[in-house]
Amino acid sequence: MTEEFAESVLVKVDLQFETNNGEHHTSEISVDQLVLRRGQSFNLTIQLAQPFDPNRDPLNMSAQTGSKPTEEAGTLSHFGIPGRVKRSPAAKAVWMVTLDPSSMLQQGILNLVITPPADAPIGEYSLTVEHKSKKAFLATLVLLFNPWCTGDSVYLFDEKERQEYVMKEDGTIFRGSKNYITSLQWDFGQFEDHMLTICMKILDLNHKHTEDPAADVAARSDATYVSRVISAMINSQDDRGILKGRWVPPYWGGKSPSHWSGSHDILLKWLHQDSRPVKYGQCWVFAGVMCTVMRFLGIPCRVVTNYKSAHDTNKNLVIDTYHADYGVREKDSPDSIWNYHVWCEAWMKRPDLSGDGKFDGWQVLDPTPQEMSDGVYCCGPAPVKAIFNGETHLNYDVPFVFAEVNADCIDWLVKADGSHMKFWSDIELVGRNISTKEVGSKKRLDITDTYKHGEGSKKERDVFCYATTRDYSKDDEEEEEEEQEEKEEDTGNARIEENPNNISTEDNTDIPPRPKLSLRFQEEAKPENGKDVKLKLVVHNKSKVDMPLSVATSVQAMRHNGMPGANIKNEVTEATLQPSKDLSVPILIPFLLYTKPMLDCESLKVSAVVTNKLDPDQPYLAEDDVVLVDPPISVTMTDTVRVGRECLAEVTFTNPINLRLTNCTMAFSGSGLLREEYEIQLPDLELNKRVIVKFPLVPYKDGEKTLLVDFDSSSFRDIKGSCTIGVKPAF
């Protein structure tokens, strides 16, 4: 694009949008505005009104950002041709310009090569030129982080990883439970319409900018600072952030968190409603939206799921859980264990923590508002390497994240007289199957070993002790070696719990060893939403004596953050278990019993407390978190898909239950396919009634795209379907 200037030192300016944005990997963001990455040169051509003689009439340029730019803050830079430009001795983030040999000086045509420094603050810049005492505005440009530049603090060596963690607009977020891992296709959409406006607005509305705009803009040179600001701005807990969190229904005035299939619709809604928070989000939604903003800004980012994630409120690295005699939690605990919790990891250097690069690499950032950090609801960036080594003294929020993946668990039995008895201790439950999407595929990558040593190993216990005492020797002094219990057979999708012998009450009174029982759950059939759930509890007697047993089982509908939604059923079974034999206790959970409680919950917690009547003060506990598989929804394309040409998506769903489905809706979204989410109403569906929806769309970007579908009704909440589409260029 070439601009002409009347009565100016400039005759024409060609900003070369297509070439520059293409070379800076930003052509999908804009085709009519310069969007550049720091540390990488760009080209523009200017034509002066007269021939150019740099020795007689130099060309002076400036780049500035923010309302109060200064050289000392790195928000203003003077540079020119020749390079003898007067600058402040304390100038930071100096820009450079050179003349390309193809320039024609006698015609006043200058092909300029301009290089913003790799440590420049990101954001919107104004570029001006001065020649023969006349000034002219050249351009407004946006500068982003540059993971392709070795001098940038977010430099990422591997091109495949750059394509995955910066450029890829869709991905997978893992949910469910540690034994029932499910995947959710998520549309990040970081290069969709208005994302430039949205992300710049996020930066300018953060509370630090409100308090001191000049200092905030200058600090945007630091990826650590920017990522922390984004973590705070994704939630609206204490600022004009994007998402309002809510963990229990009703979801008045907004959408259930499970409705969302991508970030762009949320961000666009926030922009259109004058920065009022979008309702509602939970952890995976917060993390998905943050990943979108981070990738747009150029900071490599991925979404990570931690199963059995601890929320340690009192910072003692111990999670206390309370049960009544019949197996249901008798009272709430300030601590909790989430079935799963989702956060982000961002790639960056951490010179603020170590000069030798010890803590460079992936950093945990959690935008879900759980606890305050320096007076603000944000979390991170906490180096994964610091968590791995128990370096809990470091900024930011390392102790909190360390507890999420490493806390120990203690279960207390609440007896009839109100006293509490410690009857279960587990040092291995928390921080399981830590997962992210594998580069270049939809497969799950287990990254647990980047967060901690093997559970139960001496090294893991050493690090745990070091995290709490800052002294490795303490663990050796206090450690009591115990024989490892014989492992029960692998039951696939079941949590196996087995009590240690050293049971103690709350006052630590020793209790003699008891005869051994082992407990495990087994599936009778795959747990499907819409069908009765059939499990069985298998109790094995390891002793040489008969045991008269009381088996109290309970089933609760649970939210993913560890909060019970509803009590579904309780049963007590009594039987005598012979030596070295098994007792099988069937557990039936009818669909009609769980359907309403599970509409706003994500799993069924099945608990069993087994008591030997001859030794009633020493119960056993077993728990299993069952995630129901939704009925299938089919999404296909019926035509060849090409940019600018209408095509049809076909979605098929069949009602599998003997209940009429009412309030049926279907929502469609997908970057490059639909500019905004589109929702349609569907007729009621009787048993075995099939609905086929043919939905027209006109793709506007080529390449591999994902169409996402959300089906909602009176009995099934937000069933997800997706289809990967290869969109061909226009003719």
Foldseek 3Di string as FASTA:
>chain_A
DKDADPPAQWGIKFQPQVVQCVVQVNVLQDSPAAEHEAQAKGKMKIAGPFFDDCVVKWKKKKKADFDDGDQLLLRMEIATVPGPDDHDPNGPFHKYKDFDPVADRRRRMTIIIIHGHLLHFWAKMWMKMAIPNTIDTHHIYTYFHGLCHPPHQQPDDDPLLLCVQQVDQKAWDWDAFQLDIDIAIEGLQLRFPPNNVLLNVLQCFFVVCVVPVSNSRSCSSDPFSVLQSLLQQCEPPPTLHAADEDQDDDQPPADDQLQHRYQPQSSVVCVVVVSHYHDHHDQVNSASNSSSSCSNRPWGKFKKKWAQFKQDPVLPLEAEFEAEPLFHGPDDDPIFTFSMGMWMWTFGFCVVFPVVRQQGTIFTWGSGQDDDWPNTRIFDRHRLQCLAQLVQVDDDRSSRRNSRQFGKYWYWYQYPVRFTWTFAIGRASGGHQIWTADRPDRDIDRPSNSNYDPGPDPRRQLSVVCNNVVDSVVCVVPDDDDDDDDDDDDQRQKFWFFTDQQTAGPVRDTDGGDFGKTKIKHFPDAFAQQFKGKMKIKIFGQDQAKFWKKKKKWKFFAARRRHTQGTQDIDIDIDIDHHGDIDIGMDIRGNVRCQVSNQSGFWMKMKMWMAGPVGRVHITIGIGTGGHHYADKDWDWDDAAAAQDKTKIKIKDFAAHQDKWAQKKKWKDKPQKDSHIDMDTDHIHHHRRMDMDIDMIHGHDFAKMKMKMFIDTDRHHTDIDMDIHGYHYDD
